[in-house]
């Protein structure tokens, strides 16, 4: 049985409205201590209040832009971005409409179900919508390692999904040891195709209310 993650209380030290739907928050310990480290692809669980008065947990990927090998070993803060889902159960609305700078919030220590492959070779990073958050940390990590990577996001309309395929066509990482990491809405993930003929593993992450898991599948498998 997996041991439960430690619960921490952190302070919201900054809030940035990136656009009407995306809100970025910075979280720190009141005493300024370093926070538990994490690796690219990790997330934290955040306790939220729902409209019915109950509490629940939501998963948010940790964001790191620093291209330094030890940048996330003992971070001073956690950075997350939250997309507002007006048709959801209320967790993201709490994060957007009620949580403010100066508030204290409960989180669980980082967990990584979507790790970046650490071996040789290049990496293709493909995101749809808010799925870009864990891939930002992956890009920073690959840059810190001096490794080749390519990144792309969904064209207009793919964040919510449409009937057009999204091609993985990043030639700098072609080769038998290249990996592809993809995160985004379910329909977007199902439309990602790889015309480059890479013999890689495709790492997909899927998430829903309070649930997050990663899928490791051979190229060509349909989801």
Protein backbone atom coordinates (compact mmCIF):
# COMPACT_ATOMS: atom_id res chain seq x y z
CA UNK A 1 0.00 0.00 0.00
CA UNK A 2 1.33 3.45 -0.92
CA UNK A 3 1.94 5.72 2.06
CA UNK A 4 -0.21 8.89 2.06
CA UNK A 5 1.56 12.11 1.12
CA UNK A 6 2.36 14.60 3.86
CA UNK A 7 -0.12 17.47 4.19
CA UNK A 8 1.30 20.98 4.23
CA UNK A 9 -0.27 24.38 4.81
CA UNK A 10 1.06 27.00 2.43
CA UNK A 11 0.36 30.68 1.86
CA UNK A 12 -0.81 32.10 -1.45
CA UNK A 13 1.85 34.77 -2.01
CA UNK A 14 0.90 35.89 -5.51
CA UNK A 15 -2.00 35.52 -7.94
CA UNK A 16 -1.74 36.27 -11.65
CA UNK A 17 -4.75 36.29 -13.99
CA UNK A 18 -3.08 35.08 -17.17
CA UNK A 19 -6.35 35.31 -19.10
CA UNK A 20 -10.07 35.03 -18.22
CA UNK A 21 -9.77 31.24 -17.80
CA UNK A 22 -6.24 30.64 -16.48
CA UNK A 23 -5.03 31.72 -13.06
CA UNK A 24 -1.44 31.24 -11.83
CA UNK A 25 -0.74 30.97 -8.11
CA UNK A 26 2.49 31.00 -6.12
CA UNK A 27 2.56 29.10 -2.81
CA UNK A 28 5.13 29.41 -0.02
CA UNK A 29 5.62 28.29 3.58
CA UNK A 30 4.95 31.00 6.18
CA UNK A 31 8.37 30.49 7.77
CA UNK A 32 10.18 30.60 4.43
CA UNK A 33 11.47 27.05 4.68
CA UNK A 34 12.29 25.09 1.56
CA UNK A 35 9.48 22.91 0.27
CA UNK A 36 9.71 19.20 -0.62
CA UNK A 37 11.46 18.74 -3.94
CA UNK A 38 9.88 17.45 -7.10
CA UNK A 39 10.80 16.27 -10.58
CA UNK A 40 9.43 17.41 -13.92
CA UNK A 41 5.89 16.11 -14.42
CA UNK A 42 4.98 16.15 -10.72
CA UNK A 43 1.73 17.51 -9.29
CA UNK A 44 0.31 18.48 -5.91
CA UNK A 45 -3.15 17.83 -4.53
CA UNK A 46 -4.87 20.99 -3.29
CA UNK A 47 -7.81 21.01 -0.90
CA UNK A 48 -10.77 22.97 -2.29
CA UNK A 49 -14.19 23.96 -0.97
CA UNK A 50 -17.20 22.98 -3.06
CA UNK A 51 -20.51 24.84 -3.37
CA UNK A 52 -22.28 22.26 -1.16
CA UNK A 53 -19.91 23.08 1.72
CA UNK A 54 -17.88 19.90 1.41
CA UNK A 55 -14.14 19.80 0.80
CA UNK A 56 -12.38 17.81 -1.86
CA UNK A 57 -8.96 17.59 -3.54
CA UNK A 58 -7.81 18.70 -6.97
CA UNK A 59 -4.57 17.89 -8.80
CA UNK A 60 -2.43 20.66 -10.28
CA UNK A 61 0.86 20.18 -12.08
CA UNK A 62 3.89 22.01 -10.71
CA UNK A 63 5.47 24.56 -13.03
CA UNK A 64 9.18 25.30 -13.22
CA UNK A 65 10.82 27.48 -15.87
CA UNK A 66 14.37 27.49 -14.45
CA UNK A 67 16.75 25.52 -16.69
CA UNK A 68 19.00 24.46 -13.81
CA UNK A 69 19.57 20.88 -12.71
CA UNK A 70 18.83 21.53 -9.02
CA UNK A 71 16.07 24.10 -9.48
CA UNK A 72 13.35 21.88 -8.00
CA UNK A 73 15.34 19.94 -5.39
CA UNK A 74 14.35 22.26 -2.51
CA UNK A 75 12.16 24.98 -4.01
CA UNK A 76 11.19 28.13 -2.14
CA UNK A 77 7.74 28.06 -3.73
CA UNK A 78 5.33 26.00 -5.77
CA UNK A 79 3.78 27.48 -8.90
CA UNK A 80 0.54 26.12 -10.32
CA UNK A 81 -1.94 27.22 -12.98
CA UNK A 82 -5.66 26.55 -12.76
CA UNK A 83 -8.14 26.55 -15.62
CA UNK A 84 -11.64 27.64 -14.65
CA UNK A 85 -14.21 24.98 -15.52
CA UNK A 86 -17.60 26.64 -15.27
CA UNK A 87 -19.41 23.33 -15.78
CA UNK A 88 -17.33 21.44 -13.21
CA UNK A 89 -18.20 20.53 -9.62
CA UNK A 90 -16.78 23.78 -8.25
CA UNK A 91 -13.14 23.10 -7.39
CA UNK A 92 -11.69 25.33 -10.08
CA UNK A 93 -14.28 28.03 -9.34
CA UNK A 94 -13.08 28.02 -5.73
CA UNK A 95 -9.50 28.46 -6.92
CA UNK A 96 -10.56 31.36 -9.17
CA UNK A 97 -13.31 33.11 -7.26
CA UNK A 98 -12.61 32.56 -3.56
CA UNK A 99 -8.91 31.93 -3.08
CA UNK A 100 -6.92 35.15 -2.87
CA UNK A 101 -3.43 36.39 -2.11
CA UNK A 102 -2.65 35.96 1.60
CA UNK A 103 -4.92 32.95 2.10
CA UNK A 104 -3.66 29.70 3.61
CA UNK A 105 -4.38 26.46 1.81
CA UNK A 106 -3.78 22.76 2.47
CA UNK A 107 -1.84 20.73 -0.06
CA UNK A 108 -0.23 17.31 -0.23
CA UNK A 109 3.47 16.95 -0.98
CA UNK A 110 4.37 16.46 -4.66
CA UNK A 111 3.74 13.15 -6.38
CA UNK A 112 4.86 12.20 -9.87
CA UNK A 113 2.71 9.88 -11.99
CA UNK A 114 3.98 11.44 -15.23
CA UNK A 115 7.80 11.32 -15.00
CA UNK A 116 10.10 12.49 -17.74
CA UNK A 117 12.28 9.73 -19.16
CA UNK A 118 15.82 10.36 -17.95
CA UNK A 119 17.71 8.31 -20.51
CA UNK A 120 19.47 9.36 -23.71
CA UNK A 121 17.64 10.62 -26.75
CA UNK A 122 15.31 13.48 -27.53
CA UNK A 123 11.82 14.28 -26.32
CA UNK A 124 8.69 15.55 -28.06
CA UNK A 125 6.40 17.57 -25.79
CA UNK A 126 2.83 18.11 -27.01
CA UNK A 127 0.15 19.91 -25.00
CA UNK A 128 -3.48 20.81 -25.40
CA UNK A 129 -4.75 23.78 -23.37
CA UNK A 130 -3.88 23.69 -19.65
CA UNK A 131 -1.99 20.45 -20.34
CA UNK A 132 1.05 22.62 -21.05
CA UNK A 133 1.77 23.02 -17.31
CA UNK A 134 3.75 19.80 -16.63
CA UNK A 135 5.45 20.04 -20.01
CA UNK A 136 6.90 23.45 -19.12
CA UNK A 137 8.85 21.77 -16.33
CA UNK A 138 9.88 18.96 -18.67
CA UNK A 139 11.21 21.45 -21.22
CA UNK A 140 13.21 23.24 -18.51
CA UNK A 141 14.64 19.92 -17.35
CA UNK A 142 15.68 18.85 -20.84
CA UNK A 143 17.26 22.24 -21.42
CA UNK A 144 19.20 21.89 -18.14
CA UNK A 145 20.46 18.49 -19.31
CA UNK A 146 21.50 19.90 -22.67
CA UNK A 147 19.21 17.37 -24.34
CA UNK A 148 17.33 17.83 -27.59
CA UNK A 149 13.62 18.40 -27.33
CA UNK A 150 10.80 19.77 -29.43
CA UNK A 151 7.57 21.30 -28.16
CA UNK A 152 4.21 22.17 -29.65
CA UNK A 153 0.68 22.96 -28.57
CA UNK A 154 -2.74 22.40 -30.03
CA UNK A 155 -3.83 24.60 -32.93
CA UNK A 156 -6.91 26.79 -32.46
CA UNK A 157 -9.91 24.62 -31.68
CA UNK A 158 -8.02 21.57 -30.39
CA UNK A 159 -8.10 22.52 -26.74
CA UNK A 160 -11.69 21.43 -26.59
CA UNK A 161 -11.19 18.91 -29.37
CA UNK A 162 -12.30 18.80 -32.98
CA UNK A 163 -12.11 16.29 -35.79
CA UNK A 164 -8.63 17.17 -37.08
CA UNK A 165 -5.52 15.18 -36.15
CA UNK A 166 -2.56 16.77 -34.39
CA UNK A 167 0.74 15.69 -35.92
CA UNK A 168 3.93 15.04 -33.98
CA UNK A 169 6.41 16.31 -36.54
CA UNK A 170 9.49 17.49 -34.67
CA UNK A 171 12.43 16.28 -36.72
CA UNK A 172 15.23 17.20 -34.29
CA UNK A 173 14.32 14.26 -32.05
CA UNK A 174 13.91 11.52 -34.61
CA UNK A 175 15.54 8.30 -33.55
CA UNK A 176 14.91 5.03 -31.74
CA UNK A 177 15.44 6.51 -28.27
CA UNK A 178 13.09 9.49 -28.59
CA UNK A 179 10.03 9.79 -26.33
CA UNK A 180 6.82 11.76 -26.70
CA UNK A 181 4.93 13.24 -23.75
CA UNK A 182 1.37 14.43 -24.31
CA UNK A 183 -1.14 16.06 -21.98
CA UNK A 184 -4.49 17.63 -22.71
CA UNK A 185 -8.21 16.89 -22.94
CA UNK A 186 -9.17 13.32 -23.84
CA UNK A 187 -10.31 14.11 -27.37
CA UNK A 188 -7.11 16.04 -28.05
CA UNK A 189 -4.98 13.10 -26.86
CA UNK A 190 -6.89 10.70 -29.08
CA UNK A 191 -6.10 12.85 -32.12
CA UNK A 192 -2.32 13.01 -31.66
CA UNK A 193 -0.57 10.99 -34.34
CA UNK A 194 3.10 10.45 -35.12
CA UNK A 195 4.06 10.52 -38.79
CA UNK A 196 7.79 10.47 -38.03
CA UNK A 197 8.04 6.72 -37.45
CA UNK A 198 9.69 7.02 -34.05
CA UNK A 199 10.14 3.77 -32.15
CA UNK A 200 9.39 5.42 -28.85
CA UNK A 201 7.06 5.01 -25.92
CA UNK A 202 4.21 7.50 -25.91
CA UNK A 203 3.49 8.86 -22.43
CA UNK A 204 -0.04 10.22 -22.03
CA UNK A 205 -1.52 11.76 -18.92
CA UNK A 206 -5.24 11.91 -18.30
CA UNK A 207 -7.07 13.56 -15.43
CA UNK A 208 -10.53 14.19 -14.04
CA UNK A 209 -12.03 15.46 -10.81
CA UNK A 210 -9.61 14.45 -8.07
CA UNK A 211 -8.13 11.63 -10.19
CA UNK A 212 -4.94 11.63 -12.23
CA UNK A 213 -3.09 8.77 -13.83
CA UNK A 214 -0.50 8.26 -16.52
CA UNK A 215 -0.67 5.86 -19.44
CA UNK A 216 2.48 4.38 -20.97
CA UNK A 217 1.70 2.88 -24.35
CA UNK A 218 3.49 1.69 -27.41
CA UNK A 219 3.26 3.96 -30.42
CA UNK A 220 0.18 3.26 -32.51
CA UNK A 221 -2.12 2.24 -29.66
CA UNK A 222 -5.44 4.07 -29.83
CA UNK A 223 -7.03 5.72 -26.79
